[in-house]
PDB file of N, CA and C in Angstrom:
ATOM      1  N   UNK A   1       0.846  -1.165   0.000  1.00  0.00           N
ATOM      2  CA  UNK A   1       0.000   0.000   0.000  1.00  0.00           C
ATOM      3  C   UNK A   1       0.896   1.235   0.000  1.00  0.00           C
ATOM      4  N   UNK A   2       0.671   2.163  -0.874  1.00  0.00           N
ATOM      5  CA  UNK A   2       1.501   3.365  -0.933  1.00  0.00           C
ATOM      6  C   UNK A   2       1.353   4.214   0.329  1.00  0.00           C
ATOM      7  N   UNK A   3       2.432   4.874   0.666  1.00  0.00           N
ATOM      8  CA  UNK A   3       2.441   5.745   1.833  1.00  0.00           C
ATOM      9  C   UNK A   3       2.395   7.191   1.389  1.00  0.00           C
ATOM     10  N   UNK A   4       1.638   7.998   2.092  1.00  0.00           N
ATOM     11  CA  UNK A   4       1.602   9.436   1.856  1.00  0.00           C
ATOM     12  C   UNK A   4       2.346  10.072   3.020  1.00  0.00           C
ATOM     13  N   UNK A   5       3.461  10.691   2.702  1.00  0.00           N
ATOM     14  CA  UNK A   5       4.341  11.232   3.739  1.00  0.00           C
ATOM     15  C   UNK A   5       4.450  12.730   3.539  1.00  0.00           C
ATOM     16  N   UNK A   6       4.371  13.433   4.634  1.00  0.00           N
ATOM     17  CA  UNK A   6       4.544  14.884   4.585  1.00  0.00           C
ATOM     18  C   UNK A   6       6.010  15.246   4.686  1.00  0.00           C
ATOM     19  N   UNK A   7       6.311  16.242   5.444  1.00  0.00           N
ATOM     20  CA  UNK A   7       7.679  16.731   5.595  1.00  0.00           C
ATOM     21  C   UNK A   7       8.435  15.815   6.553  1.00  0.00           C
ATOM     22  N   UNK A   8       9.642  15.450   6.163  1.00  0.00           N
ATOM     23  CA  UNK A   8      10.519  14.653   7.027  1.00  0.00           C
ATOM     24  C   UNK A   8      11.831  15.400   7.191  1.00  0.00           C
ATOM     25  N   UNK A   9      12.251  15.574   8.433  1.00  0.00           N
ATOM     26  CA  UNK A   9      13.507  16.262   8.710  1.00  0.00           C
ATOM     27  C   UNK A   9      14.420  15.295   9.433  1.00  0.00           C
ATOM     28  N   UNK A  10      15.597  15.072   8.898  1.00  0.00           N
ATOM     29  CA  UNK A  10      16.590  14.193   9.516  1.00  0.00           C
ATOM     30  C   UNK A  10      17.746  15.065   9.959  1.00  0.00           C
ATOM     31  N   UNK A  11      17.995  15.099  11.256  1.00  0.00           N
ATOM     32  CA  UNK A  11      19.093  15.904  11.780  1.00  0.00           C
ATOM     33  C   UNK A  11      20.420  15.176  11.684  1.00  0.00           C
ATOM     34  N   UNK A  12      20.418  13.879  11.972  1.00  0.00           N
ATOM     35  CA  UNK A  12      21.651  13.101  11.914  1.00  0.00           C
ATOM     36  C   UNK A  12      21.297  11.642  11.707  1.00  0.00           C
ATOM     37  N   UNK A  13      22.184  10.925  11.042  1.00  0.00           N
ATOM     38  CA  UNK A  13      21.995   9.493  10.837  1.00  0.00           C
ATOM     39  C   UNK A  13      23.368   8.841  10.944  1.00  0.00           C
ATOM     40  N   UNK A  14      23.420   7.692  11.586  1.00  0.00           N
ATOM     41  CA  UNK A  14      24.683   7.009  11.815  1.00  0.00           C
ATOM     42  C   UNK A  14      25.223   6.342  10.563  1.00  0.00           C
ATOM     43  N   UNK A  15      26.454   5.873  10.652  1.00  0.00           N
ATOM     44  CA  UNK A  15      27.108   5.285   9.485  1.00  0.00           C
ATOM     45  C   UNK A  15      26.501   3.943   9.102  1.00  0.00           C
ATOM     46  N   UNK A  16      26.001   3.168  10.053  1.00  0.00           N
ATOM     47  CA  UNK A  16      25.406   1.874   9.716  1.00  0.00           C
ATOM     48  C   UNK A  16      23.896   1.903   9.901  1.00  0.00           C
ATOM     49  N   UNK A  17      23.292   3.063   9.729  1.00  0.00           N
ATOM     50  CA  UNK A  17      21.851   3.225   9.914  1.00  0.00           C
ATOM     51  C   UNK A  17      21.113   3.144   8.588  1.00  0.00           C
ATOM     52  N   UNK A  18      19.801   2.977   8.688  1.00  0.00           N
ATOM     53  CA  UNK A  18      18.946   2.940   7.508  1.00  0.00           C
ATOM     54  C   UNK A  18      17.822   3.948   7.709  1.00  0.00           C
ATOM     55  N   UNK A  19      17.593   4.787   6.703  1.00  0.00           N
ATOM     56  CA  UNK A  19      16.490   5.740   6.734  1.00  0.00           C
ATOM     57  C   UNK A  19      15.590   5.417   5.554  1.00  0.00           C
ATOM     58  N   UNK A  20      14.325   5.142   5.825  1.00  0.00           N
ATOM     59  CA  UNK A  20      13.412   4.736   4.768  1.00  0.00           C
ATOM     60  C   UNK A  20      12.088   5.454   4.925  1.00  0.00           C
ATOM     61  N   UNK A  21      11.549   5.922   3.796  1.00  0.00           N
ATOM     62  CA  UNK A  21      10.195   6.457   3.746  1.00  0.00           C
ATOM     63  C   UNK A  21       9.497   5.737   2.603  1.00  0.00           C
ATOM     64  N   UNK A  22       8.389   5.102   2.905  1.00  0.00           N
ATOM     65  CA  UNK A  22       7.643   4.421   1.857  1.00  0.00           C
ATOM     66  C   UNK A  22       7.664   2.913   2.030  1.00  0.00           C
ATOM     67  N   UNK A  23       7.295   2.229   0.962  1.00  0.00           N
ATOM     68  CA  UNK A  23       7.190   0.778   0.998  1.00  0.00           C
ATOM     69  C   UNK A  23       8.567   0.138   0.914  1.00  0.00           C
ATOM     70  N   UNK A  24       8.725  -0.944   1.628  1.00  0.00           N
ATOM     71  CA  UNK A  24       9.993  -1.670   1.614  1.00  0.00           C
ATOM     72  C   UNK A  24       9.716  -3.138   1.919  1.00  0.00           C
ATOM     73  N   UNK A  25      10.472  -4.014   1.287  1.00  0.00           N
ATOM     74  CA  UNK A  25      10.322  -5.450   1.538  1.00  0.00           C
ATOM     75  C   UNK A  25      11.244  -5.899   2.653  1.00  0.00           C
ATOM     76  N   UNK A  26      12.492  -5.482   2.584  1.00  0.00           N
ATOM     77  CA  UNK A  26      13.473  -5.973   3.540  1.00  0.00           C
ATOM     78  C   UNK A  26      14.529  -4.903   3.787  1.00  0.00           C
ATOM     79  N   UNK A  27      14.760  -4.574   5.044  1.00  0.00           N
ATOM     80  CA  UNK A  27      15.815  -3.647   5.429  1.00  0.00           C
ATOM     81  C   UNK A  27      16.767  -4.406   6.339  1.00  0.00           C
ATOM     82  N   UNK A  28      18.033  -4.436   5.961  1.00  0.00           N
ATOM     83  CA  UNK A  28      18.992  -5.178   6.754  1.00  0.00           C
ATOM     84  C   UNK A  28      20.321  -4.413   6.816  1.00  0.00           C
ATOM     85  N   UNK A  29      20.480  -3.515   7.775  1.00  0.00           N
ATOM     86  CA  UNK A  29      21.775  -2.836   7.908  1.00  0.00           C
ATOM     87  C   UNK A  29      22.828  -3.820   8.422  1.00  0.00           C
ATOM     88  N   UNK A  30      24.022  -3.715   7.907  1.00  0.00           N
ATOM     89  CA  UNK A  30      25.102  -4.623   8.286  1.00  0.00           C
ATOM     90  C   UNK A  30      26.265  -3.779   8.788  1.00  0.00           C
ATOM     91  N   UNK A  31      26.783  -4.144   9.941  1.00  0.00           N
ATOM     92  CA  UNK A  31      27.947  -3.464  10.495  1.00  0.00           C
ATOM     93  C   UNK A  31      28.770  -4.468  11.284  1.00  0.00           C
ATOM     94  N   UNK A  32      30.036  -4.183  11.406  1.00  0.00           N
ATOM     95  CA  UNK A  32      30.931  -5.047  12.165  1.00  0.00           C
ATOM     96  C   UNK A  32      31.833  -4.163  13.008  1.00  0.00           C
ATOM     97  N   UNK A  33      32.070  -4.585  14.239  1.00  0.00           N
ATOM     98  CA  UNK A  33      32.901  -3.795  15.135  1.00  0.00           C
ATOM     99  C   UNK A  33      33.602  -4.728  16.111  1.00  0.00           C
ATOM    100  N   UNK A  34      34.789  -4.354  16.514  1.00  0.00           N
ATOM    101  CA  UNK A  34      35.523  -5.102  17.536  1.00  0.00           C
ATOM    102  C   UNK A  34      35.709  -4.173  18.728  1.00  0.00           C
ATOM    103  N   UNK A  35      35.290  -4.611  19.886  1.00  0.00           N
ATOM    104  CA  UNK A  35      35.327  -3.769  21.072  1.00  0.00           C
ATOM    105  C   UNK A  35      36.248  -4.380  22.117  1.00  0.00           C
ATOM    106  N   UNK A  36      37.148  -3.591  22.608  1.00  0.00           N
ATOM    107  CA  UNK A  36      38.004  -3.990  23.724  1.00  0.00           C
ATOM    108  C   UNK A  36      37.595  -3.162  24.933  1.00  0.00           C
ATOM    109  N   UNK A  37      37.338  -3.803  26.053  1.00  0.00           N
ATOM    110  CA  UNK A  37      36.922  -3.076  27.248  1.00  0.00           C
ATOM    111  C   UNK A  37      37.525  -3.736  28.475  1.00  0.00           C
ATOM    112  N   UNK A  38      37.930  -2.948  29.422  1.00  0.00           N
ATOM    113  CA  UNK A  38      38.537  -3.457  30.638  1.00  0.00           C
ATOM    114  C   UNK A  38      37.498  -3.783  31.692  1.00  0.00           C
ATOM    115  N   UNK A  39      37.980  -4.121  32.845  1.00  0.00           N
ATOM    116  CA  UNK A  39      37.111  -4.507  33.952  1.00  0.00           C
ATOM    117  C   UNK A  39      36.228  -3.336  34.368  1.00  0.00           C
ATOM    118  N   UNK A  40      34.931  -3.579  34.497  1.00  0.00           N
ATOM    119  CA  UNK A  40      33.999  -2.554  34.927  1.00  0.00           C
ATOM    120  C   UNK A  40      33.576  -1.588  33.841  1.00  0.00           C
ATOM    121  N   UNK A  41      33.862  -1.865  32.585  1.00  0.00           N
ATOM    122  CA  UNK A  41      33.570  -0.907  31.521  1.00  0.00           C
ATOM    123  C   UNK A  41      32.092  -0.794  31.203  1.00  0.00           C
ATOM    124  N   UNK A  42      31.377  -1.898  31.169  1.00  0.00           N
ATOM    125  CA  UNK A  42      29.976  -1.885  30.752  1.00  0.00           C
ATOM    126  C   UNK A  42      29.015  -1.989  31.928  1.00  0.00           C
ATOM    127  N   UNK A  43      29.425  -1.595  33.096  1.00  0.00           N
ATOM    128  CA  UNK A  43      28.532  -1.608  34.249  1.00  0.00           C
ATOM    129  C   UNK A  43      27.539  -0.456  34.146  1.00  0.00           C
ATOM    130  N   UNK A  44      26.279  -0.741  34.475  1.00  0.00           N
ATOM    131  CA  UNK A  44      25.270   0.312  34.501  1.00  0.00           C
ATOM    132  C   UNK A  44      24.490   0.196  35.801  1.00  0.00           C
ATOM    133  N   UNK A  45      23.997   1.304  36.264  1.00  0.00           N
ATOM    134  CA  UNK A  45      23.206   1.282  37.486  1.00  0.00           C
ATOM    135  C   UNK A  45      23.180   2.653  38.123  1.00  0.00           C
ATOM    136  N   UNK A  46      22.390   2.758  39.177  1.00  0.00           N
ATOM    137  CA  UNK A  46      22.268   4.037  39.875  1.00  0.00           C
ATOM    138  C   UNK A  46      23.436   4.281  40.827  1.00  0.00           C
ATOM    139  N   UNK A  47      23.769   3.284  41.634  1.00  0.00           N
ATOM    140  CA  UNK A  47      24.859   3.421  42.597  1.00  0.00           C
ATOM    141  C   UNK A  47      25.845   2.291  42.337  1.00  0.00           C
ATOM    142  N   UNK A  48      27.016   2.634  41.818  1.00  0.00           N
ATOM    143  CA  UNK A  48      28.028   1.633  41.494  1.00  0.00           C
ATOM    144  C   UNK A  48      29.285   1.877  42.299  1.00  0.00           C
ATOM    145  N   UNK A  49      29.860   0.800  42.774  1.00  0.00           N
ATOM    146  CA  UNK A  49      31.186   0.836  43.376  1.00  0.00           C
ATOM    147  C   UNK A  49      31.997  -0.249  42.715  1.00  0.00           C
ATOM    148  N   UNK A  50      32.951   0.141  41.905  1.00  0.00           N
ATOM    149  CA  UNK A  50      33.800  -0.815  41.205  1.00  0.00           C
ATOM    150  C   UNK A  50      35.209  -0.646  41.734  1.00  0.00           C
ATOM    151  N   UNK A  51      35.770  -1.717  42.251  1.00  0.00           N
ATOM    152  CA  UNK A  51      37.127  -1.699  42.795  1.00  0.00           C
ATOM    153  C   UNK A  51      38.005  -2.590  41.924  1.00  0.00           C
ATOM    154  N   UNK A  52      38.800  -1.979  41.086  1.00  0.00           N
ATOM    155  CA  UNK A  52      39.758  -2.701  40.254  1.00  0.00           C
ATOM    156  C   UNK A  52      41.151  -2.234  40.652  1.00  0.00           C
ATOM    157  N   UNK A  53      41.790  -3.012  41.479  1.00  0.00           N
ATOM    158  CA  UNK A  53      43.117  -2.606  41.943  1.00  0.00           C
ATOM    159  C   UNK A  53      44.104  -2.562  40.786  1.00  0.00           C
ATOM    160  N   UNK A  54      44.144  -3.611  39.988  1.00  0.00           N
ATOM    161  CA  UNK A  54      45.002  -3.632  38.816  1.00  0.00           C
ATOM    162  C   UNK A  54      44.217  -4.298  37.703  1.00  0.00           C
ATOM    163  N   UNK A  55      44.008  -3.593  36.619  1.00  0.00           N
ATOM    164  CA  UNK A  55      43.236  -4.121  35.511  1.00  0.00           C
ATOM    165  C   UNK A  55      43.985  -3.866  34.210  1.00  0.00           C
ATOM    166  N   UNK A  56      44.046  -4.882  33.378  1.00  0.00           N
ATOM    167  CA  UNK A  56      44.742  -4.763  32.105  1.00  0.00           C
ATOM    168  C   UNK A  56      43.915  -5.465  31.040  1.00  0.00           C
ATOM    169  N   UNK A  57      43.718  -4.814  29.897  1.00  0.00           N
ATOM    170  CA  UNK A  57      42.968  -5.400  28.793  1.00  0.00           C
ATOM    171  C   UNK A  57      43.936  -5.730  27.668  1.00  0.00           C
ATOM    172  N   UNK A  58      43.951  -6.987  27.273  1.00  0.00           N
ATOM    173  CA  UNK A  58      44.840  -7.431  26.208  1.00  0.00           C
ATOM    174  C   UNK A  58      44.178  -7.135  24.866  1.00  0.00           C
ATOM    175  N   UNK A  59      44.743  -6.238  24.095  1.00  0.00           N
ATOM    176  CA  UNK A  59      44.178  -5.881  22.795  1.00  0.00           C
ATOM    177  C   UNK A  59      45.005  -6.434  21.650  1.00  0.00           C
ATOM    178  N   UNK A  60      45.920  -7.345  21.918  1.00  0.00           N
ATOM    179  CA  UNK A  60      46.730  -7.942  20.866  1.00  0.00           C
ATOM    180  C   UNK A  60      45.885  -8.948  20.100  1.00  0.00           C
ATOM    181  N   UNK A  61      45.780  -8.765  18.785  1.00  0.00           N
ATOM    182  CA  UNK A  61      45.003  -9.653  17.935  1.00  0.00           C
ATOM    183  C   UNK A  61      45.956 -10.299  16.942  1.00  0.00           C
ATOM    184  N   UNK A  62      46.190 -11.593  17.106  1.00  0.00           N
ATOM    185  CA  UNK A  62      47.205 -12.242  16.285  1.00  0.00           C
ATOM    186  C   UNK A  62      46.701 -12.640  14.893  1.00  0.00           C
ATOM    187  N   UNK A  63      45.383 -12.648  14.647  1.00  0.00           N
ATOM    188  CA  UNK A  63      44.923 -12.956  13.283  1.00  0.00           C
ATOM    189  C   UNK A  63      45.108 -11.733  12.403  1.00  0.00           C
ATOM    190  N   UNK A  64      45.259 -12.007  11.125  1.00  0.00           N
ATOM    191  CA  UNK A  64      45.395 -10.914  10.165  1.00  0.00           C
ATOM    192  C   UNK A  64      44.025 -10.326   9.854  1.00  0.00           C
ATOM    193  N   UNK A  65      43.020 -11.193   9.699  1.00  0.00           N
ATOM    194  CA  UNK A  65      41.671 -10.727   9.367  1.00  0.00           C
ATOM    195  C   UNK A  65      40.652 -11.508  10.184  1.00  0.00           C
ATOM    196  N   UNK A  66      39.582 -10.851  10.544  1.00  0.00           N
ATOM    197  CA  UNK A  66      38.490 -11.502  11.254  1.00  0.00           C
ATOM    198  C   UNK A  66      37.451 -11.981  10.249  1.00  0.00           C
ATOM    199  N   UNK A  67      36.357 -12.535  10.754  1.00  0.00           N
ATOM    200  CA  UNK A  67      35.310 -13.055   9.874  1.00  0.00           C
ATOM    201  C   UNK A  67      34.694 -11.917   9.061  1.00  0.00           C
ATOM    202  N   UNK A  68      34.530 -12.146   7.784  1.00  0.00           N
ATOM    203  CA  UNK A  68      34.015 -11.117   6.886  1.00  0.00           C
ATOM    204  C   UNK A  68      32.489 -11.070   6.933  1.00  0.00           C
ATOM    205  N   UNK A  69      31.928  -9.885   6.666  1.00  0.00           N
ATOM    206  CA  UNK A  69      30.469  -9.746   6.552  1.00  0.00           C
ATOM    207  C   UNK A  69      30.089  -9.475   5.110  1.00  0.00           C
ATOM    208  N   UNK A  70      30.971  -9.840   4.187  1.00  0.00           N
ATOM    209  CA  UNK A  70      30.791  -9.513   2.783  1.00  0.00           C
ATOM    210  C   UNK A  70      29.551 -10.170   2.186  1.00  0.00           C
ATOM    211  N   UNK A  71      29.299 -11.447   2.466  1.00  0.00           N
ATOM    212  CA  UNK A  71      28.206 -12.176   1.844  1.00  0.00           C
ATOM    213  C   UNK A  71      26.999 -12.343   2.768  1.00  0.00           C
ATOM    214  N   UNK A  72      26.805 -11.468   3.735  1.00  0.00           N
ATOM    215  CA  UNK A  72      25.704 -11.595   4.692  1.00  0.00           C
ATOM    216  C   UNK A  72      24.458 -10.832   4.279  1.00  0.00           C
ATOM    217  N   UNK A  73      24.337 -10.428   3.054  1.00  0.00           N
ATOM    218  CA  UNK A  73      23.157  -9.658   2.663  1.00  0.00           C
ATOM    219  C   UNK A  73      22.068 -10.534   2.097  1.00  0.00           C
TER     220      UNK A  73
END
């Protein structure tokens, strides 16, 4: 069914985002990221007490390439 859309204002859109107006069959944004985080990095809450006396994150990656997302569409 066709869509009737008025004014659309986009202030910002991310690099792996999808912006669509109208009919669509399939939307599949693809992105890949490698995240290194130390102890207590992803903690969330109202009252947090994190005690890390000595913390070290190993970011050495011995592979040349990781798994590709080339054919995932």
